[in-house]
Amino acid sequence: MANPLQESAVQSIELDAFAKDIPDLIAHNDSLYSTMQSQATKVPVSNITSAGGVTRPSFRVPLRVQGPLGIRQGTGDGDSIGRGTGSKWDAFAVSPVMVFSCHELTFLSQAATEGRKRGLFDVSAQELKNSLDATINGLEGLMNGDGSGAIQQIPATATVSSGSGAGDQTSFISGLNSAAGFTDQQVISFFPSVGGATRGTATISYVDVTTQTLYFSTVLPSVGGASATGDFLMVQGSSGAANNSILGLKAWQVNSNTGFLAGVNRALHPGRISTPVIDLAGGALTVGVGTRAAILMGRALGPDAESIKSAIWYGATDHALTISNIYTNVLIANASQVTGDKPLDLGKKMFSPTFCGREFKYSYSADSTRVDLISPSTWYIPSLVDLELYDFGGGQTVVSVPDPAGNGYLSSYLMAYVTGFNLVNSNPRSGAYLKNVLAPTI
């Protein structure tokens, strides 16, 4: 009986072939971060000090919060012209917030991929880039936040499941307004409220922006049985208090006359530290709403304010669909006279770059329930440390990792990115925002 040589007998000498292009399955989001880095005014600052027993924030933004006088009528025939008054001033005071992002790889993973004869790419060089992308993605989450360190609040409509699975799917939270501000393998803290006590931490295994879901490799911290909708998901290291982290978009674009912002008590200056808002109460974005927001800015600042002319829109990519639908009828009208046997494609592959005559910056990290009108010319970035590799001393950016058991060192290396900055809007009235905006079904 014939006994042919089978493929299983030659597997040890077969050559492995690999695709040259390795797909990156991780989302990268940096729209607000890159916009502020390029358009806001960056100012080098020192760190906060307590020299002489007096705490001194490192960056102040003076602002005139009250006008000087009013008119009165008289006769000019020897009657009183009244007494004079003057303007009132205050100042935002902030200091940079330090943010770290550490990455660790073993000696063997580096040695096994070093050089063309060992790996498709040098893992240490590739991970240097991957770590930078992840760091910027994390900063994007804070830039969209409210200054407490909160990256997202769990919506009432979300589904929270703790300990229902195993491994990287031990727990999950689905139905977030934006999962893009988180990163894989990020440890986050759970707080029931801003300023409250933390419930504890959990480790994200995977971020699924498509379904707005966070998967966890750990059980979620709980009080009374489970982490609940309404909890705030905060960056690890934040105290959870207001104004203790980077003062993001939701810290400055707030319509309120209560609370403190960068050391200024809103209650002392009603209306002056408050951003105009339009509550759509679940309604969709329309051209009329965009015009209304511009009118509110004009009312707050006067029609000749430069910031009104330079204001741009910022919002979630979900609203790109809404804006596309608004313009569809115009496209149909423009194409109504076209002849021929084939219909035209009215859809476009790119987002509309403008809305109501202004640039629209779309972001996957933006809260899908709101749209902001901001003036980058009024924003500042007080910067102590630009984003860079952390120097462990003597110019060393990679160090060995000490063994926690005290037995010398582990066979692994640690590198980290660091930055120290904050975000300041010198004029919160030079903007507007829409809240409770209907996010279309994608």
Protein backbone atom coordinates (compact mmCIF):
# COMPACT_ATOMS: atom_id res chain seq x y z
CA MET A 1 0.00 0.00 0.00
CA ALA A 2 1.35 3.41 -0.95
CA ASN A 3 2.43 5.65 1.92
CA PRO A 4 2.80 9.17 0.47
CA LEU A 5 4.64 11.87 2.34
CA GLN A 6 1.98 14.01 3.98
CA GLU A 7 2.10 17.70 4.79
CA SER A 8 2.18 17.00 8.50
CA ALA A 9 5.61 15.45 8.07
CA VAL A 10 7.16 18.59 6.56
CA GLN A 11 5.69 21.27 8.82
CA SER A 12 9.00 21.69 10.62
CA ILE A 13 10.73 22.89 7.44
CA GLU A 14 7.95 25.05 6.03
CA LEU A 15 8.60 28.78 5.87
CA ASP A 16 6.30 31.21 7.66
CA ALA A 17 5.17 34.22 5.67
CA PHE A 18 3.77 37.34 7.29
CA ALA A 19 1.88 40.34 6.01
CA LYS A 20 4.14 43.39 5.95
CA ASP A 21 1.39 45.72 7.09
CA ILE A 22 0.27 44.91 10.62
CA PRO A 23 -3.18 46.41 11.27
CA ASP A 24 -3.58 48.62 14.31
CA LEU A 25 -6.91 47.79 15.95
CA ILE A 26 -6.66 50.58 18.50
CA ALA A 27 -8.56 53.86 17.97
CA HIS A 28 -6.55 57.11 18.15
CA ASN A 29 -8.33 60.30 19.18
CA ASP A 30 -6.75 63.72 19.73
CA SER A 31 -9.06 66.31 18.16
CA LEU A 32 -9.53 68.70 21.10
CA TYR A 33 -5.98 68.18 22.37
CA SER A 34 -4.46 68.96 18.97
CA THR A 35 -6.81 71.92 18.41
CA MET A 36 -5.83 73.55 21.69
CA GLN A 37 -2.13 72.78 21.19
CA SER A 38 -2.20 74.50 17.80
CA GLN A 39 -4.66 77.37 18.38
CA ALA A 40 -4.65 78.22 22.09
CA THR A 41 -1.92 80.48 23.51
CA LYS A 42 0.77 78.43 25.23
CA VAL A 43 2.50 80.13 28.16
CA PRO A 44 5.56 78.67 29.96
CA VAL A 45 4.88 78.66 33.71
CA SER A 46 6.50 77.53 36.95
CA ASN A 47 4.94 75.15 39.42
CA ILE A 48 2.68 76.15 42.33
CA THR A 49 4.73 77.27 45.35
CA SER A 50 4.20 77.89 49.06
CA ALA A 51 7.21 80.16 49.58
CA GLY A 52 6.87 82.33 52.68
CA GLY A 53 3.92 80.26 53.83
CA VAL A 54 1.68 81.64 51.07
CA THR A 55 0.37 79.33 48.38
CA ARG A 56 0.89 80.96 45.00
CA PRO A 57 -0.68 79.54 41.83
CA SER A 58 1.70 79.80 38.90
CA PHE A 59 -0.62 81.34 36.30
CA ARG A 60 -3.21 84.10 36.61
CA VAL A 61 -5.64 85.46 34.05
CA PRO A 62 -7.02 88.89 35.07
CA LEU A 63 -10.54 89.67 33.94
CA ARG A 64 -12.84 92.65 34.26
CA VAL A 65 -16.04 91.36 35.81
CA GLN A 66 -18.01 94.56 36.47
CA GLY A 67 -18.38 97.80 34.53
CA PRO A 68 -17.60 101.19 36.05
CA LEU A 69 -20.68 103.39 35.89
CA GLY A 70 -24.13 104.31 34.64
CA ILE A 71 -25.57 107.49 33.22
CA ARG A 72 -27.92 109.90 34.98
CA GLN A 73 -29.96 112.84 33.90
CA GLY A 74 -29.54 116.37 35.24
CA THR A 75 -30.10 120.02 34.39
CA GLY A 76 -26.52 121.25 34.34
CA ASP A 77 -27.73 124.28 36.27
CA GLY A 78 -25.85 123.79 39.48
CA ASP A 79 -27.37 120.42 40.40
CA SER A 80 -25.40 117.37 41.47
CA ILE A 81 -23.80 115.22 38.81
CA GLY A 82 -23.43 112.31 41.26
CA ARG A 83 -20.49 110.32 42.51
CA GLY A 84 -18.21 108.11 40.43
CA THR A 85 -17.62 104.36 40.45
CA GLY A 86 -15.02 102.10 38.87
CA SER A 87 -14.60 98.72 37.24
CA LYS A 88 -14.17 95.56 39.27
CA TRP A 89 -11.49 92.99 38.51
CA ASP A 90 -10.81 89.38 39.45
CA ALA A 91 -8.44 86.68 38.20
CA PHE A 92 -8.46 82.99 37.41
CA ALA A 93 -5.57 81.24 39.14
CA VAL A 94 -4.36 77.82 38.02
CA SER A 95 -1.28 75.65 38.22
CA PRO A 96 -0.10 72.85 35.96
CA VAL A 97 -1.29 69.30 36.59
CA MET A 98 1.29 66.53 36.18
CA VAL A 99 0.22 63.52 34.14
CA PHE A 100 2.29 60.35 33.72
CA SER A 101 1.95 57.37 31.41
CA CYS A 102 4.22 54.38 32.09
CA HIS A 103 5.07 51.53 29.75
CA GLU A 104 6.99 48.37 30.63
CA LEU A 105 8.46 45.62 28.46
CA THR A 106 10.65 42.64 29.29
CA PHE A 107 14.24 42.12 28.24
CA LEU A 108 13.27 39.02 26.27
CA SER A 109 10.52 40.76 24.28
CA GLN A 110 13.07 43.34 23.20
CA ALA A 111 15.89 40.88 22.48
CA ALA A 112 13.63 38.47 20.58
CA THR A 113 12.49 41.17 18.13
CA GLU A 114 15.68 43.19 17.72
CA GLY A 115 17.03 43.23 14.18
CA ARG A 116 15.53 42.07 10.88
CA LYS A 117 16.51 38.46 11.44
CA ARG A 118 14.52 38.22 14.68
CA GLY A 119 11.26 40.10 14.26
CA LEU A 120 9.03 41.90 11.81
CA PHE A 121 9.74 45.09 13.74
CA ASP A 122 11.68 46.28 16.78
CA VAL A 123 9.08 46.03 19.53
CA SER A 124 10.74 48.64 21.75
CA ALA A 125 10.74 51.26 18.97
CA GLN A 126 7.17 50.46 17.99
CA GLU A 127 5.94 50.57 21.57
CA LEU A 128 7.54 53.99 21.99
CA LYS A 129 5.13 55.29 19.35
CA ASN A 130 2.20 53.24 20.64
CA SER A 131 2.72 54.64 24.15
CA LEU A 132 2.74 58.21 22.84
CA ASP A 133 -0.53 57.63 20.97
CA ALA A 134 -2.14 56.13 24.08
CA THR A 135 -0.91 59.00 26.25
CA ILE A 136 -2.39 61.63 23.94
CA ASN A 137 -5.64 59.66 23.81
CA GLY A 138 -5.78 59.74 27.61
CA LEU A 139 -5.10 63.47 27.68
CA GLU A 140 -7.95 63.93 25.21
CA GLY A 141 -10.29 62.39 27.76
CA LEU A 142 -9.23 64.90 30.41
CA MET A 143 -9.45 67.84 27.97
CA ASN A 144 -13.13 67.00 27.50
CA GLY A 145 -13.66 66.71 31.26
CA ASP A 146 -14.98 68.94 34.03
CA GLY A 147 -11.76 69.51 35.98
CA SER A 148 -12.40 66.85 38.62
CA GLY A 149 -10.50 64.17 36.75
CA ALA A 150 -13.75 62.67 35.47
CA ILE A 151 -13.43 61.29 31.96
CA GLN A 152 -17.05 60.23 31.75
CA GLN A 153 -20.18 59.92 33.87
CA ILE A 154 -22.10 56.69 33.44
CA PRO A 155 -25.44 57.67 31.83
CA ALA A 156 -28.71 56.58 33.38
CA THR A 157 -29.41 54.60 30.20
CA ALA A 158 -26.14 52.62 30.37
CA THR A 159 -25.82 48.95 31.28
CA VAL A 160 -23.41 48.13 34.13
CA SER A 161 -22.44 44.52 34.68
CA SER A 162 -19.87 43.53 37.32
CA GLY A 163 -18.37 40.06 37.67
CA SER A 164 -20.74 38.53 35.15
CA GLY A 165 -17.97 37.16 32.95
CA ALA A 166 -14.36 36.03 33.12
CA GLY A 167 -10.92 37.14 32.00
CA ASP A 168 -10.90 40.33 29.97
CA GLN A 169 -14.71 40.32 30.02
CA THR A 170 -15.14 40.00 33.77
CA SER A 171 -17.22 43.21 33.79
CA PHE A 172 -18.47 45.75 31.30
CA ILE A 173 -20.18 49.12 30.99
CA SER A 174 -22.04 49.71 27.74
CA GLY A 175 -23.96 52.69 26.45
CA LEU A 176 -21.49 55.45 27.39
CA ASN A 177 -21.79 58.83 25.70
CA SER A 178 -18.15 58.54 24.64
CA ALA A 179 -15.78 55.68 25.36
CA ALA A 180 -13.01 57.16 23.21
CA GLY A 181 -11.46 59.12 26.09
CA PHE A 182 -10.32 55.89 27.77
CA THR A 183 -7.44 53.59 26.81
CA ASP A 184 -6.86 49.86 26.94
CA GLN A 185 -5.34 48.61 30.24
CA GLN A 186 -6.08 51.91 31.98
CA VAL A 187 -6.81 51.81 35.72
CA ILE A 188 -9.70 54.16 36.53
CA SER A 189 -11.31 55.28 39.78
CA PHE A 190 -15.04 55.19 40.48
CA PHE A 191 -16.69 58.06 42.36
CA PRO A 192 -20.40 58.35 43.21
CA SER A 193 -20.13 62.14 42.93
CA VAL A 194 -17.61 64.92 42.35
CA GLY A 195 -16.04 65.63 45.72
CA GLY A 196 -17.21 62.33 47.18
CA ALA A 197 -15.20 59.35 48.42
CA THR A 198 -13.95 56.89 45.85
CA ARG A 199 -15.53 53.47 45.58
CA GLY A 200 -12.23 52.01 44.36
CA THR A 201 -10.58 51.20 41.05
CA ALA A 202 -11.01 48.82 38.13
CA THR A 203 -8.81 47.92 35.17
CA ILE A 204 -10.08 48.40 31.63
CA SER A 205 -9.09 45.55 29.35
CA TYR A 206 -10.58 46.80 26.07
CA VAL A 207 -12.21 50.01 24.86
CA ASP A 208 -14.85 49.45 22.16
CA VAL A 209 -15.70 52.87 20.75
CA THR A 210 -17.99 51.36 18.11
CA THR A 211 -20.47 50.14 20.73
CA GLN A 212 -19.42 52.72 23.38
CA THR A 213 -18.44 49.90 25.75
CA LEU A 214 -15.68 49.45 28.31
CA TYR A 215 -14.63 45.89 29.16
CA PHE A 216 -12.85 45.21 32.45
CA SER A 217 -10.53 42.43 33.60
CA THR A 218 -11.58 43.04 37.20
CA VAL A 219 -14.78 43.22 39.22
CA LEU A 220 -16.07 46.78 39.46
CA PRO A 221 -15.88 48.51 42.85
CA SER A 222 -19.25 48.61 44.53
CA VAL A 223 -21.26 50.20 47.29
CA GLY A 224 -24.45 48.41 48.17
CA GLY A 225 -23.93 45.74 45.55
CA ALA A 226 -22.71 47.37 42.35
CA SER A 227 -21.25 50.41 40.71
CA ALA A 228 -24.22 52.38 39.50
CA THR A 229 -25.28 54.56 36.64
CA GLY A 230 -24.45 58.12 37.57
CA ASP A 231 -20.99 57.18 38.84
CA PHE A 232 -18.04 59.23 37.61
CA LEU A 233 -15.17 57.37 35.94
CA MET A 234 -12.03 59.30 36.84
CA VAL A 235 -8.36 59.20 36.00
CA GLN A 236 -6.32 57.29 38.56
CA GLY A 237 -4.64 59.66 41.01
CA SER A 238 -7.43 62.24 41.02
CA SER A 239 -8.90 63.12 44.41
CA GLY A 240 -12.30 63.47 42.79
CA ALA A 241 -12.62 67.07 43.96
CA ALA A 242 -13.63 69.89 41.65
CA ASN A 243 -10.73 71.77 40.04
CA ASN A 244 -8.08 69.23 41.16
CA SER A 245 -7.30 67.98 37.66
CA ILE A 246 -6.91 69.52 34.21
CA LEU A 247 -9.70 72.06 33.73
CA GLY A 248 -11.28 70.69 30.59
CA LEU A 249 -14.03 71.89 28.30
CA LYS A 250 -16.82 70.99 30.73
CA ALA A 251 -15.15 73.01 33.48
CA TRP A 252 -15.17 76.24 31.49
CA GLN A 253 -18.25 75.87 29.28
CA VAL A 254 -20.82 75.85 32.10
CA ASN A 255 -23.97 77.89 32.47
CA SER A 256 -24.01 78.53 36.21
CA ASN A 257 -23.77 81.23 38.88
CA THR A 258 -22.66 78.88 41.64
CA GLY A 259 -19.45 77.08 42.53
CA PHE A 260 -15.80 77.98 42.11
CA LEU A 261 -13.84 78.00 38.87
CA ALA A 262 -10.06 78.38 39.01
CA GLY A 263 -10.36 80.17 42.34
CA VAL A 264 -13.15 82.53 41.27
CA ASN A 265 -16.52 82.35 43.03
CA ARG A 266 -19.18 82.52 40.33
CA ALA A 267 -21.74 83.74 42.85
CA LEU A 268 -19.81 87.00 43.29
CA HIS A 269 -20.13 87.83 39.59
CA PRO A 270 -23.54 86.58 38.40
CA GLY A 271 -23.64 85.99 34.67
CA ARG A 272 -20.01 86.95 34.08
CA ILE A 273 -18.38 83.52 34.63
CA SER A 274 -21.21 81.70 32.90
CA THR A 275 -21.32 80.40 29.33
CA PRO A 276 -24.56 80.85 27.33
CA VAL A 277 -26.42 77.59 26.79
CA ILE A 278 -29.30 76.29 24.71
CA ASP A 279 -31.09 73.23 26.09
CA LEU A 280 -32.46 71.25 23.16
CA ALA A 281 -34.22 68.86 25.57
CA GLY A 282 -33.61 65.90 23.26
CA GLY A 283 -34.07 67.83 20.03
CA ALA A 284 -31.84 67.51 16.99
CA LEU A 285 -29.19 69.91 15.77
CA THR A 286 -30.57 72.45 13.26
CA VAL A 287 -29.28 75.48 11.39
CA GLY A 288 -31.56 77.67 13.45
CA VAL A 289 -29.97 76.43 16.66
CA GLY A 290 -26.52 77.31 15.36
CA THR A 291 -27.66 80.84 14.60
CA ARG A 292 -29.28 81.17 18.03
CA ALA A 293 -25.98 80.24 19.69
CA ALA A 294 -24.19 82.98 17.73
CA ILE A 295 -26.84 85.49 18.86
CA LEU A 296 -26.29 84.53 22.50
CA MET A 297 -22.55 85.13 22.06
CA GLY A 298 -23.33 88.53 20.59
CA ARG A 299 -25.54 89.40 23.52
CA ALA A 300 -22.84 88.39 25.99
CA LEU A 301 -19.91 90.15 24.32
CA GLY A 302 -21.26 92.71 21.87
CA PRO A 303 -21.33 92.29 18.07
CA ASP A 304 -17.79 93.55 17.48
CA ALA A 305 -15.98 91.13 19.80
CA GLU A 306 -13.12 89.45 17.95
CA SER A 307 -13.79 86.12 19.64
CA ILE A 308 -17.22 85.96 17.99
CA LYS A 309 -15.61 86.16 14.55
CA SER A 310 -13.07 83.42 15.30
CA ALA A 311 -15.36 80.98 17.14
CA ILE A 312 -15.49 77.38 15.95
CA TRP A 313 -17.80 74.45 16.63
CA TYR A 314 -16.65 71.35 18.46
CA GLY A 315 -18.73 68.20 18.78
CA ALA A 316 -19.06 64.46 18.37
CA THR A 317 -18.85 62.77 15.00
CA ASP A 318 -22.43 61.58 15.55
CA HIS A 319 -23.56 65.08 14.63
CA ALA A 320 -21.75 64.86 11.30
CA LEU A 321 -24.66 62.71 10.17
CA THR A 322 -27.16 65.31 11.32
CA ILE A 323 -25.35 68.08 9.46
CA SER A 324 -25.07 65.90 6.35
CA ASN A 325 -28.83 65.33 6.44
CA ILE A 326 -29.39 69.09 6.74
CA TYR A 327 -27.39 69.67 3.56
CA THR A 328 -28.92 66.76 1.60
CA ASN A 329 -31.90 68.79 0.40
CA VAL A 330 -29.53 71.46 -0.90
CA LEU A 331 -27.59 68.84 -2.84
CA ILE A 332 -30.81 67.50 -4.31
CA ALA A 333 -31.87 70.97 -5.39
CA ASN A 334 -28.50 71.68 -6.98
CA ALA A 335 -28.64 68.41 -8.89
CA SER A 336 -32.27 68.67 -10.00
CA GLN A 337 -31.36 69.86 -13.50
CA VAL A 338 -28.83 67.11 -14.16
CA THR A 339 -29.86 64.86 -17.05
CA GLY A 340 -28.87 61.34 -17.91
CA ASP A 341 -29.88 57.79 -17.12
CA LYS A 342 -27.87 57.32 -13.92
CA PRO A 343 -28.69 58.93 -10.58
CA LEU A 344 -26.07 61.05 -8.87
CA ASP A 345 -24.45 59.99 -5.61
CA LEU A 346 -25.53 62.66 -3.14
CA GLY A 347 -23.48 61.22 -0.31
CA LYS A 348 -19.98 62.47 0.42
CA LYS A 349 -17.17 60.45 1.95
CA MET A 350 -15.92 63.27 4.19
CA PHE A 351 -17.61 65.29 6.91
CA SER A 352 -18.74 68.82 6.19
CA PRO A 353 -15.93 71.11 7.41
CA THR A 354 -18.33 73.85 8.52
CA PHE A 355 -21.65 74.40 10.24
CA CYS A 356 -23.51 77.71 10.04
CA GLY A 357 -20.50 79.31 8.38
CA ARG A 358 -18.01 78.26 11.07
CA GLU A 359 -15.39 75.51 11.20
CA PHE A 360 -16.66 72.34 12.86
CA LYS A 361 -14.09 70.20 14.67
CA TYR A 362 -15.40 66.67 14.96
CA SER A 363 -14.12 64.30 17.63
CA TYR A 364 -14.88 60.72 18.62
CA SER A 365 -14.01 61.72 22.20
CA ALA A 366 -16.60 64.51 22.45
CA ASP A 367 -19.76 64.03 24.48
CA SER A 368 -22.47 63.06 22.00
CA THR A 369 -25.15 64.87 24.04
CA ARG A 370 -23.66 68.35 23.55
CA VAL A 371 -22.09 70.62 20.94
CA ASP A 372 -19.77 73.49 21.91
CA LEU A 373 -19.03 76.83 20.28
CA ILE A 374 -15.55 77.89 21.44
CA SER A 375 -13.11 80.70 20.66
CA PRO A 376 -9.56 79.26 20.73
CA SER A 377 -8.15 82.80 20.80
CA THR A 378 -9.39 83.22 24.39
CA TRP A 379 -7.90 79.93 25.62
CA TYR A 380 -4.48 79.46 27.25
CA ILE A 381 -2.30 76.46 27.99
CA PRO A 382 -0.06 77.23 30.99
CA SER A 383 2.67 74.65 30.45
CA LEU A 384 5.35 73.50 32.87
CA VAL A 385 6.45 70.41 30.95
CA ASP A 386 5.64 69.74 27.31
CA LEU A 387 4.76 66.16 26.52
CA GLU A 388 8.05 64.25 26.54
CA LEU A 389 9.80 61.11 27.74
CA TYR A 390 10.36 61.17 31.49
CA ASP A 391 13.99 61.67 32.50
CA PHE A 392 14.85 59.28 35.34
CA GLY A 393 18.08 61.21 35.88
CA GLY A 394 21.23 61.83 33.86
CA GLY A 395 19.29 61.80 30.61
CA GLN A 396 18.11 58.20 31.14
CA THR A 397 14.64 57.65 29.70
CA VAL A 398 14.63 53.85 30.13
CA VAL A 399 15.40 52.17 33.46
CA SER A 400 15.40 48.69 34.95
CA VAL A 401 12.51 47.81 37.22
CA PRO A 402 13.33 46.97 40.87
CA ASP A 403 11.97 43.65 42.13
CA PRO A 404 9.09 44.41 44.56
CA ALA A 405 10.26 41.38 46.60
CA GLY A 406 13.62 43.03 47.14
CA ASN A 407 15.62 40.58 45.05
CA GLY A 408 17.52 43.01 42.87
CA TYR A 409 15.87 43.90 39.57
CA LEU A 410 13.29 42.38 37.27
CA SER A 411 14.29 41.50 33.73
CA SER A 412 12.17 44.32 32.34
CA TYR A 413 12.47 47.96 31.41
CA LEU A 414 10.29 50.97 32.21
CA MET A 415 9.76 54.12 30.18
CA ALA A 416 7.22 56.86 30.73
CA TYR A 417 5.75 59.95 29.14
CA VAL A 418 5.13 63.03 31.26
CA THR A 419 3.49 66.40 30.80
CA GLY A 420 2.49 69.18 33.12
CA PHE A 421 -0.07 71.74 31.96
CA ASN A 422 -3.56 73.07 32.44
CA LEU A 423 -6.26 74.65 30.32
CA VAL A 424 -7.71 78.14 30.85
CA ASN A 425 -10.48 80.02 29.10
CA SER A 426 -9.85 83.70 29.82
CA ASN A 427 -13.44 84.58 28.89
CA PRO A 428 -16.11 81.91 29.54
CA ARG A 429 -18.69 84.21 27.93
CA SER A 430 -16.86 84.00 24.60
CA GLY A 431 -18.59 80.75 23.74
CA ALA A 432 -21.86 78.87 23.92
CA TYR A 433 -22.94 75.28 24.06
CA LEU A 434 -25.92 73.11 23.24
CA LYS A 435 -26.91 70.45 25.74
CA ASN A 436 -29.22 67.46 25.63
CA VAL A 437 -28.70 67.26 21.89
CA LEU A 438 -30.27 64.28 20.18
CA ALA A 439 -27.54 61.95 18.96
CA PRO A 440 -28.68 60.25 15.75
CA THR A 441 -28.69 56.48 15.51
CA ILE A 442 -25.48 55.30 13.88
